[in-house]
């Protein structure tokens, strides 16, 4: 599976590296700024890159003090995620990123309306062996194990995930 996306004539984005950078962005402001700056001018067609662009915007809200700046980054993230979903509504990685973000958001922000829909798509993909990218598969399985309370035992068993 080709995991490189052409961003400009001079820059490629390797999806596996992008995932690693996204993981780091959740841990330090420097890594978050790096990811945000890397993706802020992306205007391409790849839904996965748009999902990580959304993630970088959402995470930026964690590292700013001003409520206005927090709201700006939150709204920007919502817009970018909407773009990602519109570009490829069936993409499991996009749904996975959105699910992870929704579960991290404070409930008062009201960004949790697609949790069940995203869970259903991800579990369906797992059950039917539709996730061909092993790196992504491992990330999803690790996420599910770390967030077991979000998934019912029946959901996990129907997707072939053992306790």
N, C-alpha and C. Protein backbone atom coordinates (compact mmCIF):
# COMPACT_ATOMS: atom_id res chain seq x y z
N UNK A 1 0.85 -1.18 0.00
CA UNK A 1 0.00 0.00 0.00
C UNK A 1 0.89 1.24 0.00
N UNK A 2 0.62 2.15 -0.90
CA UNK A 2 1.39 3.39 -0.97
C UNK A 2 0.91 4.35 0.11
N UNK A 3 1.83 4.76 0.97
CA UNK A 3 1.46 5.62 2.09
C UNK A 3 2.04 7.02 1.96
N UNK A 4 2.43 7.39 0.74
CA UNK A 4 2.96 8.73 0.52
C UNK A 4 1.95 9.55 -0.25
N UNK A 5 1.71 10.77 0.21
CA UNK A 5 0.78 11.67 -0.43
C UNK A 5 1.56 12.86 -0.95
N UNK A 6 1.34 13.23 -2.19
CA UNK A 6 2.00 14.41 -2.74
C UNK A 6 1.28 15.66 -2.23
N UNK A 7 2.01 16.53 -1.55
CA UNK A 7 1.44 17.77 -1.02
C UNK A 7 1.71 18.92 -1.98
N UNK A 8 2.92 19.06 -2.38
CA UNK A 8 3.30 20.04 -3.38
C UNK A 8 4.29 19.36 -4.29
N UNK A 9 4.76 20.06 -5.30
CA UNK A 9 5.75 19.48 -6.19
C UNK A 9 7.04 19.16 -5.44
N UNK A 10 7.26 19.80 -4.29
CA UNK A 10 8.52 19.65 -3.60
C UNK A 10 8.40 18.87 -2.29
N UNK A 11 7.23 18.54 -1.85
CA UNK A 11 7.08 17.92 -0.54
C UNK A 11 6.16 16.71 -0.60
N UNK A 12 6.59 15.63 0.00
CA UNK A 12 5.77 14.43 0.16
C UNK A 12 5.43 14.27 1.63
N UNK A 13 4.27 13.70 1.90
CA UNK A 13 3.91 13.37 3.27
C UNK A 13 3.75 11.87 3.35
N UNK A 14 4.56 11.27 4.18
CA UNK A 14 4.47 9.85 4.44
C UNK A 14 3.45 9.66 5.56
N UNK A 15 2.43 8.87 5.31
CA UNK A 15 1.34 8.73 6.26
C UNK A 15 1.82 8.12 7.58
N UNK A 16 2.73 7.17 7.53
CA UNK A 16 3.23 6.57 8.77
C UNK A 16 3.97 7.62 9.59
N UNK A 17 4.78 8.44 8.93
CA UNK A 17 5.46 9.53 9.65
C UNK A 17 4.45 10.54 10.17
N UNK A 18 3.43 10.82 9.40
CA UNK A 18 2.39 11.75 9.83
C UNK A 18 1.69 11.24 11.10
N UNK A 19 1.43 9.96 11.15
CA UNK A 19 0.83 9.36 12.36
C UNK A 19 1.74 9.54 13.57
N UNK A 20 3.04 9.31 13.37
CA UNK A 20 3.99 9.49 14.48
C UNK A 20 4.03 10.94 14.93
N UNK A 21 4.04 11.86 13.97
CA UNK A 21 4.05 13.28 14.30
C UNK A 21 2.76 13.68 15.03
N UNK A 22 1.65 13.09 14.64
CA UNK A 22 0.38 13.36 15.31
C UNK A 22 0.42 12.86 16.75
N UNK A 23 0.98 11.68 16.96
CA UNK A 23 1.13 11.16 18.33
C UNK A 23 1.95 12.11 19.18
N UNK A 24 3.05 12.59 18.63
CA UNK A 24 3.92 13.51 19.37
C UNK A 24 3.24 14.86 19.61
N UNK A 25 2.41 15.30 18.66
CA UNK A 25 1.73 16.60 18.79
C UNK A 25 0.82 16.63 20.00
N UNK A 26 0.33 15.49 20.42
CA UNK A 26 -0.50 15.43 21.60
C UNK A 26 0.29 15.48 22.90
N UNK A 27 1.62 15.43 22.78
CA UNK A 27 2.46 15.38 23.98
C UNK A 27 3.24 16.65 24.25
N UNK A 28 3.59 17.41 23.20
CA UNK A 28 4.36 18.64 23.41
C UNK A 28 3.88 19.75 22.50
N UNK A 29 4.00 20.97 22.98
CA UNK A 29 3.58 22.12 22.16
C UNK A 29 4.50 22.28 20.95
N UNK A 30 5.77 21.95 21.09
CA UNK A 30 6.71 22.07 19.98
C UNK A 30 6.30 21.13 18.84
N UNK A 31 6.00 19.89 19.20
CA UNK A 31 5.58 18.91 18.19
C UNK A 31 4.26 19.32 17.56
N UNK A 32 3.37 19.87 18.36
CA UNK A 32 2.08 20.32 17.84
C UNK A 32 2.27 21.47 16.86
N UNK A 33 3.09 22.43 17.25
CA UNK A 33 3.38 23.56 16.35
C UNK A 33 4.00 23.08 15.04
N UNK A 34 4.92 22.12 15.14
CA UNK A 34 5.56 21.57 13.95
C UNK A 34 4.52 20.97 13.01
N UNK A 35 3.65 20.12 13.55
CA UNK A 35 2.63 19.47 12.74
C UNK A 35 1.67 20.50 12.15
N UNK A 36 1.24 21.44 12.97
CA UNK A 36 0.32 22.47 12.50
C UNK A 36 0.95 23.26 11.35
N UNK A 37 2.20 23.68 11.53
CA UNK A 37 2.88 24.45 10.48
C UNK A 37 3.08 23.62 9.21
N UNK A 38 3.34 22.35 9.39
CA UNK A 38 3.54 21.45 8.24
C UNK A 38 2.28 21.32 7.40
N UNK A 39 1.11 21.31 8.06
CA UNK A 39 -0.14 21.03 7.35
C UNK A 39 -1.01 22.25 7.08
N UNK A 40 -0.69 23.38 7.67
CA UNK A 40 -1.61 24.52 7.59
C UNK A 40 -1.91 24.99 6.17
N UNK A 41 -0.99 24.80 5.25
CA UNK A 41 -1.22 25.25 3.87
C UNK A 41 -1.67 24.13 2.95
N UNK A 42 -1.92 22.96 3.51
CA UNK A 42 -2.36 21.84 2.68
C UNK A 42 -3.75 22.12 2.10
N UNK A 43 -3.87 21.98 0.79
CA UNK A 43 -5.15 22.22 0.10
C UNK A 43 -5.51 21.05 -0.81
N UNK A 44 -4.81 19.93 -0.66
CA UNK A 44 -4.97 18.79 -1.55
C UNK A 44 -6.26 18.01 -1.35
N UNK A 45 -6.28 16.84 -1.93
CA UNK A 45 -7.49 16.02 -1.98
C UNK A 45 -7.47 14.84 -1.02
N UNK A 46 -6.36 14.59 -0.34
CA UNK A 46 -6.27 13.39 0.50
C UNK A 46 -7.00 13.60 1.83
N UNK A 47 -8.04 12.81 2.04
CA UNK A 47 -8.87 12.94 3.24
C UNK A 47 -8.09 12.66 4.52
N UNK A 48 -7.14 11.74 4.46
CA UNK A 48 -6.36 11.40 5.65
C UNK A 48 -5.50 12.59 6.08
N UNK A 49 -4.89 13.25 5.13
CA UNK A 49 -4.09 14.43 5.46
C UNK A 49 -5.00 15.51 6.06
N UNK A 50 -6.19 15.68 5.50
CA UNK A 50 -7.15 16.65 6.07
C UNK A 50 -7.52 16.27 7.51
N UNK A 51 -7.66 14.98 7.79
CA UNK A 51 -8.00 14.55 9.15
C UNK A 51 -6.87 14.91 10.12
N UNK A 52 -5.64 14.71 9.70
CA UNK A 52 -4.52 15.07 10.58
C UNK A 52 -4.33 16.58 10.65
N UNK A 53 -4.71 17.27 9.61
CA UNK A 53 -4.72 18.74 9.66
C UNK A 53 -5.73 19.19 10.72
N UNK A 54 -6.89 18.55 10.73
CA UNK A 54 -7.91 18.85 11.75
C UNK A 54 -7.38 18.55 13.14
N UNK A 55 -6.75 17.40 13.29
CA UNK A 55 -6.19 17.02 14.58
C UNK A 55 -5.20 18.07 15.06
N UNK A 56 -4.34 18.55 14.16
CA UNK A 56 -3.35 19.56 14.57
C UNK A 56 -4.02 20.84 15.03
N UNK A 57 -5.11 21.22 14.38
CA UNK A 57 -5.84 22.43 14.82
C UNK A 57 -6.47 22.22 16.18
N UNK A 58 -7.15 21.08 16.36
CA UNK A 58 -7.76 20.78 17.65
C UNK A 58 -6.71 20.79 18.77
N UNK A 59 -5.57 20.18 18.51
CA UNK A 59 -4.53 20.11 19.53
C UNK A 59 -3.92 21.47 19.83
N UNK A 60 -3.86 22.34 18.84
CA UNK A 60 -3.32 23.69 19.07
C UNK A 60 -4.12 24.40 20.17
N UNK A 61 -5.40 24.10 20.25
CA UNK A 61 -6.24 24.73 21.28
C UNK A 61 -5.75 24.38 22.68
N UNK A 62 -5.07 23.27 22.83
CA UNK A 62 -4.53 22.88 24.14
C UNK A 62 -3.34 23.73 24.56
N UNK A 63 -2.69 24.34 23.60
CA UNK A 63 -1.42 25.01 23.88
C UNK A 63 -1.51 26.54 23.82
N UNK A 64 -2.70 27.07 23.71
CA UNK A 64 -2.87 28.52 23.73
C UNK A 64 -3.66 28.90 24.98
N UNK A 65 -3.47 30.13 25.43
CA UNK A 65 -4.10 30.58 26.66
C UNK A 65 -5.44 31.27 26.41
N UNK A 66 -5.49 32.11 25.40
CA UNK A 66 -6.66 32.93 25.13
C UNK A 66 -7.88 32.07 24.75
N UNK A 67 -9.02 32.32 25.39
CA UNK A 67 -10.24 31.60 25.01
C UNK A 67 -10.62 31.84 23.54
N UNK A 68 -10.31 33.02 23.03
CA UNK A 68 -10.62 33.32 21.63
C UNK A 68 -9.75 32.47 20.70
N UNK A 69 -8.48 32.31 21.07
CA UNK A 69 -7.59 31.47 20.27
C UNK A 69 -8.01 30.01 20.36
N UNK A 70 -8.39 29.57 21.56
CA UNK A 70 -8.87 28.19 21.72
C UNK A 70 -10.07 27.94 20.81
N UNK A 71 -11.02 28.87 20.82
CA UNK A 71 -12.21 28.73 19.99
C UNK A 71 -11.85 28.74 18.50
N UNK A 72 -10.91 29.61 18.12
CA UNK A 72 -10.47 29.67 16.72
C UNK A 72 -9.94 28.31 16.27
N UNK A 73 -9.03 27.73 17.05
CA UNK A 73 -8.44 26.44 16.66
C UNK A 73 -9.48 25.32 16.69
N UNK A 74 -10.39 25.36 17.65
CA UNK A 74 -11.45 24.36 17.72
C UNK A 74 -12.32 24.43 16.46
N UNK A 75 -12.76 25.63 16.10
CA UNK A 75 -13.61 25.78 14.91
C UNK A 75 -12.86 25.42 13.63
N UNK A 76 -11.60 25.77 13.57
CA UNK A 76 -10.77 25.41 12.42
C UNK A 76 -10.67 23.89 12.31
N UNK A 77 -10.46 23.23 13.44
CA UNK A 77 -10.40 21.77 13.45
C UNK A 77 -11.69 21.15 12.96
N UNK A 78 -12.82 21.67 13.42
CA UNK A 78 -14.11 21.16 12.97
C UNK A 78 -14.25 21.30 11.45
N UNK A 79 -13.87 22.44 10.93
CA UNK A 79 -13.96 22.67 9.47
C UNK A 79 -13.08 21.69 8.71
N UNK A 80 -11.86 21.50 9.18
CA UNK A 80 -10.95 20.59 8.49
C UNK A 80 -11.46 19.15 8.55
N UNK A 81 -12.01 18.75 9.70
CA UNK A 81 -12.53 17.39 9.80
C UNK A 81 -13.74 17.20 8.90
N UNK A 82 -14.56 18.22 8.81
CA UNK A 82 -15.71 18.16 7.89
C UNK A 82 -15.20 17.96 6.46
N UNK A 83 -14.16 18.68 6.10
CA UNK A 83 -13.57 18.54 4.76
C UNK A 83 -13.08 17.11 4.56
N UNK A 84 -12.39 16.56 5.56
CA UNK A 84 -11.87 15.20 5.46
C UNK A 84 -13.00 14.20 5.23
N UNK A 85 -14.06 14.32 6.01
CA UNK A 85 -15.19 13.39 5.88
C UNK A 85 -15.87 13.55 4.52
N UNK A 86 -16.02 14.78 4.07
CA UNK A 86 -16.66 15.01 2.77
C UNK A 86 -15.81 14.44 1.62
N UNK A 87 -14.51 14.50 1.75
CA UNK A 87 -13.63 14.00 0.70
C UNK A 87 -13.64 12.47 0.61
N UNK A 88 -13.82 11.80 1.75
CA UNK A 88 -13.82 10.33 1.74
C UNK A 88 -14.59 9.81 2.95
N UNK A 89 -15.91 9.80 2.87
CA UNK A 89 -16.74 9.42 4.02
C UNK A 89 -16.55 7.99 4.51
N UNK A 90 -16.01 7.13 3.68
CA UNK A 90 -15.83 5.72 4.06
C UNK A 90 -14.42 5.41 4.57
N UNK A 91 -13.57 6.41 4.63
CA UNK A 91 -12.17 6.18 5.01
C UNK A 91 -12.08 5.86 6.51
N UNK A 92 -11.57 4.69 6.82
CA UNK A 92 -11.51 4.24 8.21
C UNK A 92 -10.54 5.07 9.03
N UNK A 93 -9.44 5.48 8.46
CA UNK A 93 -8.48 6.28 9.23
C UNK A 93 -9.07 7.65 9.58
N UNK A 94 -9.80 8.24 8.66
CA UNK A 94 -10.45 9.52 8.94
C UNK A 94 -11.46 9.34 10.07
N UNK A 95 -12.24 8.27 10.00
CA UNK A 95 -13.23 8.00 11.06
C UNK A 95 -12.54 7.71 12.39
N UNK A 96 -11.42 7.02 12.34
CA UNK A 96 -10.66 6.73 13.55
C UNK A 96 -10.13 8.02 14.20
N UNK A 97 -9.55 8.89 13.39
CA UNK A 97 -9.04 10.16 13.93
C UNK A 97 -10.19 10.97 14.52
N UNK A 98 -11.32 11.02 13.81
CA UNK A 98 -12.46 11.78 14.34
C UNK A 98 -12.98 11.17 15.64
N UNK A 99 -13.07 9.86 15.71
CA UNK A 99 -13.53 9.21 16.93
C UNK A 99 -12.60 9.54 18.10
N UNK A 100 -11.31 9.43 17.87
CA UNK A 100 -10.35 9.73 18.94
C UNK A 100 -10.48 11.18 19.40
N UNK A 101 -10.68 12.08 18.47
CA UNK A 101 -10.84 13.50 18.84
C UNK A 101 -12.13 13.73 19.61
N UNK A 102 -13.21 13.12 19.14
CA UNK A 102 -14.50 13.30 19.82
C UNK A 102 -14.44 12.83 21.27
N UNK A 103 -13.73 11.74 21.50
CA UNK A 103 -13.65 11.19 22.85
C UNK A 103 -12.77 12.04 23.76
N UNK A 104 -11.89 12.85 23.18
CA UNK A 104 -11.01 13.73 23.98
C UNK A 104 -11.65 15.07 24.29
N UNK A 105 -12.67 15.45 23.53
CA UNK A 105 -13.25 16.78 23.68
C UNK A 105 -14.12 16.87 24.93
N UNK A 106 -14.05 18.00 25.62
CA UNK A 106 -14.98 18.20 26.74
C UNK A 106 -16.42 18.18 26.21
N UNK A 107 -17.31 17.59 26.95
CA UNK A 107 -18.69 17.42 26.49
C UNK A 107 -19.40 18.74 26.21
N UNK A 108 -19.03 19.80 26.94
CA UNK A 108 -19.73 21.07 26.74
C UNK A 108 -19.48 21.67 25.35
N UNK A 109 -18.47 21.17 24.63
CA UNK A 109 -18.21 21.67 23.28
C UNK A 109 -19.18 21.08 22.25
N UNK A 110 -19.84 20.01 22.62
CA UNK A 110 -20.84 19.43 21.73
C UNK A 110 -20.24 18.75 20.50
N UNK A 111 -19.01 18.31 20.60
CA UNK A 111 -18.37 17.65 19.46
C UNK A 111 -18.31 16.15 19.71
N UNK A 112 -19.49 15.54 19.80
CA UNK A 112 -19.53 14.10 20.05
C UNK A 112 -20.67 13.43 19.28
N UNK A 113 -21.19 14.11 18.29
CA UNK A 113 -22.38 13.62 17.59
C UNK A 113 -22.17 12.45 16.65
N UNK A 114 -20.92 12.07 16.40
CA UNK A 114 -20.67 10.99 15.44
C UNK A 114 -19.94 9.81 16.06
N UNK A 115 -19.91 9.75 17.37
CA UNK A 115 -19.17 8.67 18.05
C UNK A 115 -19.70 7.30 17.64
N UNK A 116 -21.00 7.10 17.75
CA UNK A 116 -21.57 5.78 17.44
C UNK A 116 -21.38 5.42 15.97
N UNK A 117 -21.57 6.38 15.09
CA UNK A 117 -21.39 6.16 13.65
C UNK A 117 -19.94 5.76 13.34
N UNK A 118 -18.99 6.47 13.92
CA UNK A 118 -17.58 6.18 13.68
C UNK A 118 -17.19 4.83 14.28
N UNK A 119 -17.66 4.54 15.49
CA UNK A 119 -17.40 3.24 16.12
C UNK A 119 -17.90 2.11 15.22
N UNK A 120 -19.11 2.27 14.74
CA UNK A 120 -19.73 1.24 13.90
C UNK A 120 -18.89 0.98 12.64
N UNK A 121 -18.46 2.04 12.00
CA UNK A 121 -17.66 1.88 10.78
C UNK A 121 -16.32 1.21 11.07
N UNK A 122 -15.69 1.62 12.16
CA UNK A 122 -14.39 1.05 12.51
C UNK A 122 -14.53 -0.43 12.87
N UNK A 123 -15.52 -0.76 13.69
CA UNK A 123 -15.73 -2.15 14.08
C UNK A 123 -16.10 -3.01 12.88
N UNK A 124 -16.89 -2.48 11.97
CA UNK A 124 -17.25 -3.20 10.74
C UNK A 124 -15.98 -3.49 9.92
N UNK A 125 -15.12 -2.49 9.81
CA UNK A 125 -13.88 -2.67 9.05
C UNK A 125 -12.99 -3.74 9.70
N UNK A 126 -12.93 -3.74 11.02
CA UNK A 126 -12.13 -4.74 11.71
C UNK A 126 -12.72 -6.14 11.52
N UNK A 127 -14.02 -6.25 11.68
CA UNK A 127 -14.70 -7.54 11.54
C UNK A 127 -14.49 -8.14 10.16
N UNK A 128 -14.47 -7.28 9.14
CA UNK A 128 -14.38 -7.74 7.76
C UNK A 128 -12.96 -7.64 7.18
N UNK A 129 -11.97 -7.45 8.05
CA UNK A 129 -10.57 -7.37 7.63
C UNK A 129 -10.34 -6.35 6.52
N UNK A 130 -10.95 -5.18 6.66
CA UNK A 130 -10.84 -4.14 5.65
C UNK A 130 -9.66 -3.19 5.89
N UNK A 131 -9.03 -3.29 7.05
CA UNK A 131 -7.90 -2.42 7.35
C UNK A 131 -6.64 -3.15 6.91
N UNK A 132 -6.12 -2.77 5.75
CA UNK A 132 -4.97 -3.47 5.15
C UNK A 132 -3.63 -2.88 5.59
N UNK A 133 -3.65 -1.69 6.13
CA UNK A 133 -2.42 -1.02 6.59
C UNK A 133 -2.15 -1.49 8.02
N UNK A 134 -1.10 -2.30 8.21
CA UNK A 134 -0.83 -2.89 9.51
C UNK A 134 -0.54 -1.85 10.59
N UNK A 135 0.16 -0.77 10.23
CA UNK A 135 0.45 0.30 11.19
C UNK A 135 -0.86 0.90 11.70
N UNK A 136 -1.77 1.18 10.80
CA UNK A 136 -3.07 1.73 11.19
C UNK A 136 -3.85 0.71 12.02
N UNK A 137 -3.85 -0.53 11.60
CA UNK A 137 -4.55 -1.58 12.34
C UNK A 137 -4.07 -1.66 13.78
N UNK A 138 -2.77 -1.63 13.98
CA UNK A 138 -2.22 -1.68 15.34
C UNK A 138 -2.62 -0.46 16.15
N UNK A 139 -2.64 0.71 15.51
CA UNK A 139 -3.06 1.94 16.21
C UNK A 139 -4.52 1.84 16.65
N UNK A 140 -5.35 1.32 15.77
CA UNK A 140 -6.78 1.18 16.10
C UNK A 140 -6.97 0.19 17.24
N UNK A 141 -6.31 -0.96 17.16
CA UNK A 141 -6.44 -1.97 18.21
C UNK A 141 -5.92 -1.46 19.56
N UNK A 142 -4.82 -0.75 19.54
CA UNK A 142 -4.29 -0.16 20.77
C UNK A 142 -5.27 0.86 21.34
N UNK A 143 -5.82 1.67 20.47
CA UNK A 143 -6.80 2.68 20.89
C UNK A 143 -8.01 2.00 21.54
N UNK A 144 -8.51 0.95 20.93
CA UNK A 144 -9.67 0.24 21.47
C UNK A 144 -9.34 -0.33 22.85
N UNK A 145 -8.17 -0.91 23.00
CA UNK A 145 -7.78 -1.47 24.29
C UNK A 145 -7.66 -0.38 25.36
N UNK A 146 -7.19 0.79 24.96
CA UNK A 146 -7.03 1.90 25.91
C UNK A 146 -8.36 2.58 26.21
N UNK A 147 -9.36 2.35 25.38
CA UNK A 147 -10.66 3.01 25.53
C UNK A 147 -11.78 1.98 25.61
N UNK A 148 -11.53 0.89 26.29
CA UNK A 148 -12.50 -0.21 26.37
C UNK A 148 -13.88 0.23 26.85
N UNK A 149 -13.92 1.20 27.73
CA UNK A 149 -15.22 1.61 28.30
C UNK A 149 -16.15 2.20 27.24
N UNK A 150 -15.61 2.59 26.11
CA UNK A 150 -16.40 3.18 25.03
C UNK A 150 -17.08 2.10 24.19
N UNK A 151 -16.54 0.89 24.25
CA UNK A 151 -17.03 -0.22 23.42
C UNK A 151 -17.69 -1.26 24.31
N UNK A 152 -18.83 -1.77 23.87
CA UNK A 152 -19.49 -2.82 24.63
C UNK A 152 -18.80 -4.16 24.33
N UNK A 153 -18.99 -5.10 25.22
CA UNK A 153 -18.43 -6.43 25.02
C UNK A 153 -18.98 -7.04 23.73
N UNK A 154 -20.27 -6.82 23.47
CA UNK A 154 -20.90 -7.34 22.25
C UNK A 154 -20.24 -6.74 21.01
N UNK A 155 -19.97 -5.43 21.02
CA UNK A 155 -19.31 -4.78 19.88
C UNK A 155 -17.94 -5.39 19.63
N UNK A 156 -17.18 -5.56 20.70
CA UNK A 156 -15.83 -6.11 20.57
C UNK A 156 -15.86 -7.54 20.05
N UNK A 157 -16.74 -8.35 20.59
CA UNK A 157 -16.84 -9.74 20.14
C UNK A 157 -17.30 -9.84 18.69
N UNK A 158 -18.24 -8.99 18.30
CA UNK A 158 -18.73 -9.04 16.91
C UNK A 158 -17.65 -8.59 15.93
N UNK A 159 -16.69 -7.78 16.40
CA UNK A 159 -15.59 -7.34 15.53
C UNK A 159 -14.41 -8.30 15.59
N UNK A 160 -14.55 -9.35 16.41
CA UNK A 160 -13.48 -10.34 16.51
C UNK A 160 -12.34 -9.91 17.42
N UNK A 161 -12.63 -9.00 18.35
CA UNK A 161 -11.61 -8.53 19.27
C UNK A 161 -11.82 -9.25 20.60
N UNK A 162 -10.81 -10.00 21.00
CA UNK A 162 -10.90 -10.73 22.26
C UNK A 162 -10.64 -9.79 23.43
N UNK A 163 -11.18 -10.16 24.55
CA UNK A 163 -10.98 -9.37 25.79
C UNK A 163 -9.54 -9.32 26.17
